[in-house]
PDB file of N, CA and C in Angstrom:
ATOM      1  N   MET A   1      -1.561 -12.508  11.608  1.00  0.00           N
ATOM      2  CA  MET A   1      -2.366 -11.314  11.774  1.00  0.00           C
ATOM      3  C   MET A   1      -3.063 -10.909  10.478  1.00  0.00           C
ATOM      4  N   SER A   2      -2.360 -10.919   9.351  1.00  0.00           N
ATOM      5  CA  SER A   2      -2.954 -10.524   8.088  1.00  0.00           C
ATOM      6  C   SER A   2      -3.900 -11.595   7.611  1.00  0.00           C
ATOM      7  N   LYS A   3      -5.151 -11.184   7.329  1.00  0.00           N
ATOM      8  CA  LYS A   3      -6.166 -12.125   6.899  1.00  0.00           C
ATOM      9  C   LYS A   3      -6.752 -11.668   5.582  1.00  0.00           C
ATOM     10  N   GLY A   4      -7.601 -12.525   4.998  1.00  0.00           N
ATOM     11  CA  GLY A   4      -8.358 -12.153   3.819  1.00  0.00           C
ATOM     12  C   GLY A   4      -7.528 -12.021   2.567  1.00  0.00           C
ATOM     13  N   ASN A   5      -6.460 -12.725   2.489  1.00  0.00           N
ATOM     14  CA  ASN A   5      -5.601 -12.639   1.330  1.00  0.00           C
ATOM     15  C   ASN A   5      -6.175 -13.415   0.170  1.00  0.00           C
ATOM     16  N   PHE A   6      -5.747 -13.080  -1.022  1.00  0.00           N
ATOM     17  CA  PHE A   6      -6.077 -13.823  -2.216  1.00  0.00           C
ATOM     18  C   PHE A   6      -4.981 -14.858  -2.403  1.00  0.00           C
ATOM     19  N   LYS A   7      -4.958 -15.865  -1.566  1.00  0.00           N
ATOM     20  CA  LYS A   7      -3.882 -16.849  -1.540  1.00  0.00           C
ATOM     21  C   LYS A   7      -3.859 -17.694  -2.801  1.00  0.00           C
ATOM     22  N   SER A   8      -2.677 -17.891  -3.310  1.00  0.00           N
ATOM     23  CA  SER A   8      -2.496 -18.838  -4.394  1.00  0.00           C
ATOM     24  C   SER A   8      -1.789 -20.047  -3.817  1.00  0.00           C
ATOM     25  N   GLY A   9      -1.637 -21.077  -4.622  1.00  0.00           N
ATOM     26  CA  GLY A   9      -1.014 -22.297  -4.128  1.00  0.00           C
ATOM     27  C   GLY A   9       0.496 -22.209  -4.013  1.00  0.00           C
ATOM     28  N   SER A  10       1.108 -21.199  -4.614  1.00  0.00           N
ATOM     29  CA  SER A  10       2.569 -21.135  -4.609  1.00  0.00           C
ATOM     30  C   SER A  10       3.103 -20.648  -3.269  1.00  0.00           C
ATOM     31  N   LYS A  11       4.318 -21.095  -2.963  1.00  0.00           N
ATOM     32  CA  LYS A  11       4.947 -20.728  -1.699  1.00  0.00           C
ATOM     33  C   LYS A  11       5.380 -19.264  -1.711  1.00  0.00           C
ATOM     34  N   ASP A  12       6.034 -18.818  -2.800  1.00  0.00           N
ATOM     35  CA  ASP A  12       6.432 -17.419  -2.924  1.00  0.00           C
ATOM     36  C   ASP A  12       5.362 -16.694  -3.715  1.00  0.00           C
ATOM     37  N   ASP A  13       4.469 -16.039  -3.022  1.00  0.00           N
ATOM     38  CA  ASP A  13       3.350 -15.336  -3.629  1.00  0.00           C
ATOM     39  C   ASP A  13       3.673 -13.847  -3.657  1.00  0.00           C
ATOM     40  N   PRO A  14       3.973 -13.289  -4.825  1.00  0.00           N
ATOM     41  CA  PRO A  14       4.402 -11.893  -4.897  1.00  0.00           C
ATOM     42  C   PRO A  14       3.311 -10.886  -4.550  1.00  0.00           C
ATOM     43  N   VAL A  15       2.058 -11.318  -4.471  1.00  0.00           N
ATOM     44  CA  VAL A  15       0.966 -10.415  -4.124  1.00  0.00           C
ATOM     45  C   VAL A  15       0.639 -10.493  -2.639  1.00  0.00           C
ATOM     46  N   ASN A  16       0.378 -11.683  -2.140  1.00  0.00           N
ATOM     47  CA  ASN A  16      -0.114 -11.846  -0.777  1.00  0.00           C
ATOM     48  C   ASN A  16       0.965 -11.996   0.275  1.00  0.00           C
ATOM     49  N   SER A  17       2.069 -12.555  -0.086  1.00  0.00           N
ATOM     50  CA  SER A  17       3.095 -12.840   0.913  1.00  0.00           C
ATOM     51  C   SER A  17       4.468 -12.941   0.258  1.00  0.00           C
ATOM     52  N   PRO A  18       4.977 -11.806  -0.260  1.00  0.00           N
ATOM     53  CA  PRO A  18       6.284 -11.847  -0.902  1.00  0.00           C
ATOM     54  C   PRO A  18       7.360 -12.351   0.065  1.00  0.00           C
ATOM     55  N   SER A  19       8.217 -13.215  -0.412  1.00  0.00           N
ATOM     56  CA  SER A  19       9.224 -13.816   0.468  1.00  0.00           C
ATOM     57  C   SER A  19      10.114 -12.761   1.119  1.00  0.00           C
ATOM     58  N   HIS A  20      10.394 -11.673   0.420  1.00  0.00           N
ATOM     59  CA  HIS A  20      11.257 -10.644   1.003  1.00  0.00           C
ATOM     60  C   HIS A  20      10.563  -9.844   2.104  1.00  0.00           C
ATOM     61  N   TYR A  21       9.266 -10.031   2.311  1.00  0.00           N
ATOM     62  CA  TYR A  21       8.557  -9.392   3.413  1.00  0.00           C
ATOM     63  C   TYR A  21       8.359 -10.328   4.592  1.00  0.00           C
ATOM     64  N   ASN A  22       8.837 -11.549   4.489  1.00  0.00           N
ATOM     65  CA  ASN A  22       8.606 -12.559   5.529  1.00  0.00           C
ATOM     66  C   ASN A  22       9.908 -13.111   6.090  1.00  0.00           C
ATOM     67  N   MET A  23      10.892 -12.283   6.227  1.00  0.00           N
ATOM     68  CA  MET A  23      12.182 -12.761   6.706  1.00  0.00           C
ATOM     69  C   MET A  23      12.233 -12.813   8.231  1.00  0.00           C
ATOM     70  N   LEU A  24      11.249 -12.237   8.885  1.00  0.00           N
ATOM     71  CA  LEU A  24      11.150 -12.291  10.341  1.00  0.00           C
ATOM     72  C   LEU A  24       9.983 -13.195  10.700  1.00  0.00           C
ATOM     73  N   SER A  25       9.714 -13.352  11.964  1.00  0.00           N
ATOM     74  CA  SER A  25       8.587 -14.180  12.384  1.00  0.00           C
ATOM     75  C   SER A  25       7.258 -13.430  12.251  1.00  0.00           C
ATOM     76  N   ILE A  26       7.312 -12.168  11.858  1.00  0.00           N
ATOM     77  CA  ILE A  26       6.112 -11.350  11.676  1.00  0.00           C
ATOM     78  C   ILE A  26       6.222 -10.662  10.320  1.00  0.00           C
ATOM     79  N   GLU A  27       5.104 -10.524   9.640  1.00  0.00           N
ATOM     80  CA  GLU A  27       5.121  -9.900   8.324  1.00  0.00           C
ATOM     81  C   GLU A  27       5.316  -8.391   8.431  1.00  0.00           C
ATOM     82  N   ALA A  28       5.909  -7.817   7.399  1.00  0.00           N
ATOM     83  CA  ALA A  28       6.186  -6.380   7.377  1.00  0.00           C
ATOM     84  C   ALA A  28       4.915  -5.554   7.566  1.00  0.00           C
ATOM     85  N   ILE A  29       3.806  -5.968   6.961  1.00  0.00           N
ATOM     86  CA  ILE A  29       2.562  -5.211   7.080  1.00  0.00           C
ATOM     87  C   ILE A  29       2.119  -5.112   8.535  1.00  0.00           C
ATOM     88  N   ASP A  30       2.366  -6.140   9.323  1.00  0.00           N
ATOM     89  CA  ASP A  30       1.991  -6.110  10.732  1.00  0.00           C
ATOM     90  C   ASP A  30       2.887  -5.167  11.533  1.00  0.00           C
ATOM     91  N   ILE A  31       4.157  -5.118  11.196  1.00  0.00           N
ATOM     92  CA  ILE A  31       5.074  -4.176  11.854  1.00  0.00           C
ATOM     93  C   ILE A  31       4.678  -2.745  11.504  1.00  0.00           C
ATOM     94  N   ILE A  32       4.350  -2.518  10.233  1.00  0.00           N
ATOM     95  CA  ILE A  32       3.914  -1.183   9.803  1.00  0.00           C
ATOM     96  C   ILE A  32       2.667  -0.768  10.577  1.00  0.00           C
ATOM     97  N   GLU A  33       1.695  -1.680  10.682  1.00  0.00           N
ATOM     98  CA  GLU A  33       0.463  -1.362  11.409  1.00  0.00           C
ATOM     99  C   GLU A  33       0.744  -1.031  12.874  1.00  0.00           C
ATOM    100  N   MET A  34       1.624  -1.790  13.506  1.00  0.00           N
ATOM    101  CA  MET A  34       1.936  -1.544  14.918  1.00  0.00           C
ATOM    102  C   MET A  34       2.654  -0.215  15.128  1.00  0.00           C
ATOM    103  N   SER A  35       3.322   0.291  14.090  1.00  0.00           N
ATOM    104  CA  SER A  35       4.087   1.526  14.234  1.00  0.00           C
ATOM    105  C   SER A  35       3.247   2.783  13.995  1.00  0.00           C
ATOM    106  N   MET A  36       1.971   2.598  13.636  1.00  0.00           N
ATOM    107  CA  MET A  36       1.129   3.732  13.256  1.00  0.00           C
ATOM    108  C   MET A  36      -0.139   3.788  14.100  1.00  0.00           C
ATOM    109  N   THR A  37      -0.730   4.976  14.118  1.00  0.00           N
ATOM    110  CA  THR A  37      -2.074   5.088  14.675  1.00  0.00           C
ATOM    111  C   THR A  37      -3.036   4.435  13.691  1.00  0.00           C
ATOM    112  N   LYS A  38      -4.272   4.218  14.125  1.00  0.00           N
ATOM    113  CA  LYS A  38      -5.276   3.615  13.248  1.00  0.00           C
ATOM    114  C   LYS A  38      -5.479   4.476  12.001  1.00  0.00           C
ATOM    115  N   GLN A  39      -5.600   5.780  12.171  1.00  0.00           N
ATOM    116  CA  GLN A  39      -5.826   6.671  11.031  1.00  0.00           C
ATOM    117  C   GLN A  39      -4.626   6.688  10.077  1.00  0.00           C
ATOM    118  N   GLU A  40      -3.428   6.677  10.626  1.00  0.00           N
ATOM    119  CA  GLU A  40      -2.233   6.627   9.775  1.00  0.00           C
ATOM    120  C   GLU A  40      -2.213   5.345   8.954  1.00  0.00           C
ATOM    121  N   PHE A  41      -2.553   4.227   9.584  1.00  0.00           N
ATOM    122  CA  PHE A  41      -2.540   2.948   8.885  1.00  0.00           C
ATOM    123  C   PHE A  41      -3.605   2.905   7.796  1.00  0.00           C
ATOM    124  N   LEU A  42      -4.788   3.436   8.069  1.00  0.00           N
ATOM    125  CA  LEU A  42      -5.826   3.499   7.038  1.00  0.00           C
ATOM    126  C   LEU A  42      -5.350   4.331   5.849  1.00  0.00           C
ATOM    127  N   GLY A  43      -4.677   5.442   6.114  1.00  0.00           N
ATOM    128  CA  GLY A  43      -4.117   6.272   5.044  1.00  0.00           C
ATOM    129  C   GLY A  43      -3.038   5.545   4.260  1.00  0.00           C
ATOM    130  N   TYR A  44      -2.216   4.782   4.959  1.00  0.00           N
ATOM    131  CA  TYR A  44      -1.180   3.976   4.310  1.00  0.00           C
ATOM    132  C   TYR A  44      -1.815   2.968   3.351  1.00  0.00           C
ATOM    133  N   LEU A  45      -2.851   2.285   3.812  1.00  0.00           N
ATOM    134  CA  LEU A  45      -3.522   1.291   2.976  1.00  0.00           C
ATOM    135  C   LEU A  45      -4.169   1.955   1.766  1.00  0.00           C
ATOM    136  N   LYS A  46      -4.855   3.056   1.979  1.00  0.00           N
ATOM    137  CA  LYS A  46      -5.500   3.788   0.887  1.00  0.00           C
ATOM    138  C   LYS A  46      -4.464   4.256  -0.128  1.00  0.00           C
ATOM    139  N   GLY A  47      -3.349   4.756   0.362  1.00  0.00           N
ATOM    140  CA  GLY A  47      -2.286   5.207  -0.537  1.00  0.00           C
ATOM    141  C   GLY A  47      -1.735   4.085  -1.393  1.00  0.00           C
ATOM    142  N   ASN A  48      -1.609   2.900  -0.816  1.00  0.00           N
ATOM    143  CA  ASN A  48      -1.111   1.767  -1.589  1.00  0.00           C
ATOM    144  C   ASN A  48      -2.119   1.297  -2.626  1.00  0.00           C
ATOM    145  N   VAL A  49      -3.412   1.355  -2.312  1.00  0.00           N
ATOM    146  CA  VAL A  49      -4.433   1.040  -3.313  1.00  0.00           C
ATOM    147  C   VAL A  49      -4.251   1.972  -4.510  1.00  0.00           C
ATOM    148  N   LEU A  50      -4.168   3.267  -4.229  1.00  0.00           N
ATOM    149  CA  LEU A  50      -4.014   4.252  -5.302  1.00  0.00           C
ATOM    150  C   LEU A  50      -2.723   4.050  -6.084  1.00  0.00           C
ATOM    151  N   LYS A  51      -1.641   3.779  -5.377  1.00  0.00           N
ATOM    152  CA  LYS A  51      -0.344   3.586  -6.031  1.00  0.00           C
ATOM    153  C   LYS A  51      -0.404   2.464  -7.063  1.00  0.00           C
ATOM    154  N   TYR A  52      -0.947   1.328  -6.676  1.00  0.00           N
ATOM    155  CA  TYR A  52      -0.972   0.185  -7.584  1.00  0.00           C
ATOM    156  C   TYR A  52      -1.971   0.373  -8.714  1.00  0.00           C
ATOM    157  N   VAL A  53      -3.091   1.054  -8.475  1.00  0.00           N
ATOM    158  CA  VAL A  53      -4.045   1.310  -9.553  1.00  0.00           C
ATOM    159  C   VAL A  53      -3.461   2.309 -10.556  1.00  0.00           C
ATOM    160  N   ILE A  54      -2.812   3.336 -10.059  1.00  0.00           N
ATOM    161  CA  ILE A  54      -2.251   4.365 -10.941  1.00  0.00           C
ATOM    162  C   ILE A  54      -1.152   3.808 -11.837  1.00  0.00           C
ATOM    163  N   ARG A  55      -0.317   2.938 -11.338  1.00  0.00           N
ATOM    164  CA  ARG A  55       0.846   2.504 -12.118  1.00  0.00           C
ATOM    165  C   ARG A  55       0.729   1.117 -12.745  1.00  0.00           C
ATOM    166  N   TYR A  56      -0.446   0.487 -12.693  1.00  0.00           N
ATOM    167  CA  TYR A  56      -0.548  -0.897 -13.161  1.00  0.00           C
ATOM    168  C   TYR A  56      -0.178  -1.067 -14.629  1.00  0.00           C
ATOM    169  N   LYS A  57      -0.328  -0.051 -15.446  1.00  0.00           N
ATOM    170  CA  LYS A  57      -0.007  -0.160 -16.879  1.00  0.00           C
ATOM    171  C   LYS A  57       1.476   0.049 -17.176  1.00  0.00           C
ATOM    172  N   HIS A  58       2.234   0.494 -16.210  1.00  0.00           N
ATOM    173  CA  HIS A  58       3.569   0.993 -16.497  1.00  0.00           C
ATOM    174  C   HIS A  58       4.731   0.120 -16.032  1.00  0.00           C
ATOM    175  N   LYS A  59       4.487  -0.973 -15.355  1.00  0.00           N
ATOM    176  CA  LYS A  59       5.581  -1.774 -14.810  1.00  0.00           C
ATOM    177  C   LYS A  59       5.761  -3.119 -15.499  1.00  0.00           C
ATOM    178  N   GLY A  60       4.860  -3.470 -16.397  1.00  0.00           N
ATOM    179  CA  GLY A  60       5.001  -4.724 -17.111  1.00  0.00           C
ATOM    180  C   GLY A  60       4.252  -5.904 -16.516  1.00  0.00           C
ATOM    181  N   TYR A  61       3.649  -5.717 -15.357  1.00  0.00           N
ATOM    182  CA  TYR A  61       2.886  -6.787 -14.708  1.00  0.00           C
ATOM    183  C   TYR A  61       1.531  -6.236 -14.259  1.00  0.00           C
ATOM    184  N   PRO A  62       0.677  -5.836 -15.211  1.00  0.00           N
ATOM    185  CA  PRO A  62      -0.569  -5.158 -14.827  1.00  0.00           C
ATOM    186  C   PRO A  62      -1.478  -5.990 -13.932  1.00  0.00           C
ATOM    187  N   GLU A  63      -1.616  -7.276 -14.223  1.00  0.00           N
ATOM    188  CA  GLU A  63      -2.507  -8.104 -13.398  1.00  0.00           C
ATOM    189  C   GLU A  63      -1.982  -8.223 -11.971  1.00  0.00           C
ATOM    190  N   GLN A  64      -0.671  -8.362 -11.825  1.00  0.00           N
ATOM    191  CA  GLN A  64      -0.087  -8.462 -10.486  1.00  0.00           C
ATOM    192  C   GLN A  64      -0.293  -7.168  -9.706  1.00  0.00           C
ATOM    193  N   ASP A  65      -0.088  -6.036 -10.355  1.00  0.00           N
ATOM    194  CA  ASP A  65      -0.282  -4.762  -9.653  1.00  0.00           C
ATOM    195  C   ASP A  65      -1.749  -4.552  -9.280  1.00  0.00           C
ATOM    196  N   LEU A  66      -2.678  -4.945 -10.155  1.00  0.00           N
ATOM    197  CA  LEU A  66      -4.096  -4.829  -9.812  1.00  0.00           C
ATOM    198  C   LEU A  66      -4.461  -5.775  -8.672  1.00  0.00           C
ATOM    199  N   ASN A  67      -3.852  -6.958  -8.643  1.00  0.00           N
ATOM    200  CA  ASN A  67      -4.079  -7.873  -7.515  1.00  0.00           C
ATOM    201  C   ASN A  67      -3.545  -7.283  -6.221  1.00  0.00           C
ATOM    202  N   LYS A  68      -2.409  -6.592  -6.298  1.00  0.00           N
ATOM    203  CA  LYS A  68      -1.877  -5.924  -5.099  1.00  0.00           C
ATOM    204  C   LYS A  68      -2.826  -4.820  -4.644  1.00  0.00           C
ATOM    205  N   ALA A  69      -3.399  -4.075  -5.597  1.00  0.00           N
ATOM    206  CA  ALA A  69      -4.376  -3.037  -5.245  1.00  0.00           C
ATOM    207  C   ALA A  69      -5.580  -3.658  -4.536  1.00  0.00           C
ATOM    208  N   PHE A  70      -6.066  -4.794  -5.069  1.00  0.00           N
ATOM    209  CA  PHE A  70      -7.175  -5.499  -4.416  1.00  0.00           C
ATOM    210  C   PHE A  70      -6.778  -5.961  -3.018  1.00  0.00           C
ATOM    211  N   TRP A  71      -5.541  -6.438  -2.853  1.00  0.00           N
ATOM    212  CA  TRP A  71      -5.080  -6.908  -1.543  1.00  0.00           C
ATOM    213  C   TRP A  71      -5.153  -5.766  -0.530  1.00  0.00           C
ATOM    214  N   TYR A  72      -4.615  -4.598  -0.919  1.00  0.00           N
ATOM    215  CA  TYR A  72      -4.631  -3.452  -0.002  1.00  0.00           C
ATOM    216  C   TYR A  72      -6.053  -2.949   0.239  1.00  0.00           C
ATOM    217  N   LEU A  73      -6.904  -2.986  -0.773  1.00  0.00           N
ATOM    218  CA  LEU A  73      -8.293  -2.583  -0.585  1.00  0.00           C
ATOM    219  C   LEU A  73      -8.996  -3.528   0.379  1.00  0.00           C
ATOM    220  N   ASN A  74      -8.760  -4.817   0.228  1.00  0.00           N
ATOM    221  CA  ASN A  74      -9.346  -5.804   1.136  1.00  0.00           C
ATOM    222  C   ASN A  74      -8.836  -5.599   2.567  1.00  0.00           C
ATOM    223  N   LYS A  75      -7.551  -5.328   2.702  1.00  0.00           N
ATOM    224  CA  LYS A  75      -6.968  -5.070   4.028  1.00  0.00           C
ATOM    225  C   LYS A  75      -7.580  -3.804   4.639  1.00  0.00           C
ATOM    226  N   LEU A  76      -7.806  -2.794   3.810  1.00  0.00           N
ATOM    227  CA  LEU A  76      -8.452  -1.565   4.275  1.00  0.00           C
ATOM    228  C   LEU A  76      -9.869  -1.867   4.768  1.00  0.00           C
ATOM    229  N   LYS A  77     -10.632  -2.643   3.999  1.00  0.00           N
ATOM    230  CA  LYS A  77     -11.986  -3.031   4.410  1.00  0.00           C
ATOM    231  C   LYS A  77     -11.964  -3.806   5.711  1.00  0.00           C
ATOM    232  N   GLU A  78     -11.065  -4.772   5.823  1.00  0.00           N
ATOM    233  CA  GLU A  78     -10.969  -5.587   7.042  1.00  0.00           C
ATOM    234  C   GLU A  78     -10.622  -4.737   8.258  1.00  0.00           C
ATOM    235  N   THR A  79      -9.684  -3.821   8.073  1.00  0.00           N
ATOM    236  CA  THR A  79      -9.244  -2.979   9.185  1.00  0.00           C
ATOM    237  C   THR A  79     -10.388  -2.084   9.652  1.00  0.00           C
ATOM    238  N   ILE A  80     -11.140  -1.528   8.719  1.00  0.00           N
ATOM    239  CA  ILE A  80     -12.289  -0.686   9.085  1.00  0.00           C
ATOM    240  C   ILE A  80     -13.353  -1.533   9.782  1.00  0.00           C
ATOM    241  N   LYS A  81     -13.583  -2.736   9.272  1.00  0.00           N
ATOM    242  CA  LYS A  81     -14.590  -3.626   9.868  1.00  0.00           C
ATOM    243  C   LYS A  81     -14.194  -4.020  11.294  1.00  0.00           C
ATOM    244  N   GLU A  82     -12.899  -4.336  11.507  1.00  0.00           N
ATOM    245  CA  GLU A  82     -12.427  -4.792  12.810  1.00  0.00           C
ATOM    246  C   GLU A  82     -12.254  -3.659  13.816  1.00  0.00           C
ATOM    247  N   LYS A  83     -11.771  -2.512  13.346  1.00  0.00           N
ATOM    248  CA  LYS A  83     -11.375  -1.447  14.270  1.00  0.00           C
ATOM    249  C   LYS A  83     -12.164  -0.164  14.117  1.00  0.00           C
ATOM    250  N   GLY A  84     -13.056  -0.127  13.147  1.00  0.00           N
ATOM    251  CA  GLY A  84     -13.804   1.100  12.893  1.00  0.00           C
ATOM    252  C   GLY A  84     -12.986   2.088  12.085  1.00  0.00           C
ATOM    253  N   GLU A  85     -13.666   3.137  11.669  1.00  0.00           N
ATOM    254  CA  GLU A  85     -12.983   4.117  10.827  1.00  0.00           C
ATOM    255  C   GLU A  85     -12.400   5.234  11.623  1.00  0.00           C
TER     256      GLU A  85
END
């Protein structure tokens, strides 16, 4: 279901597909989306963009956090494109 990822060649990708989010046959992001209305999910995605941009300097992995922000921003764009705002 999740598309448009910034896929790297590694199997455990901490940005696009963290192994701890793939322990079921469906990714956590897809379960989260199914549990929310469209507007709630858009807010969730926007909040995660802000979270990773705000704290990227403070966790020791700034590039990874900025990549996560881009991932959520891309997911937000895709969701709006597919389902409208």
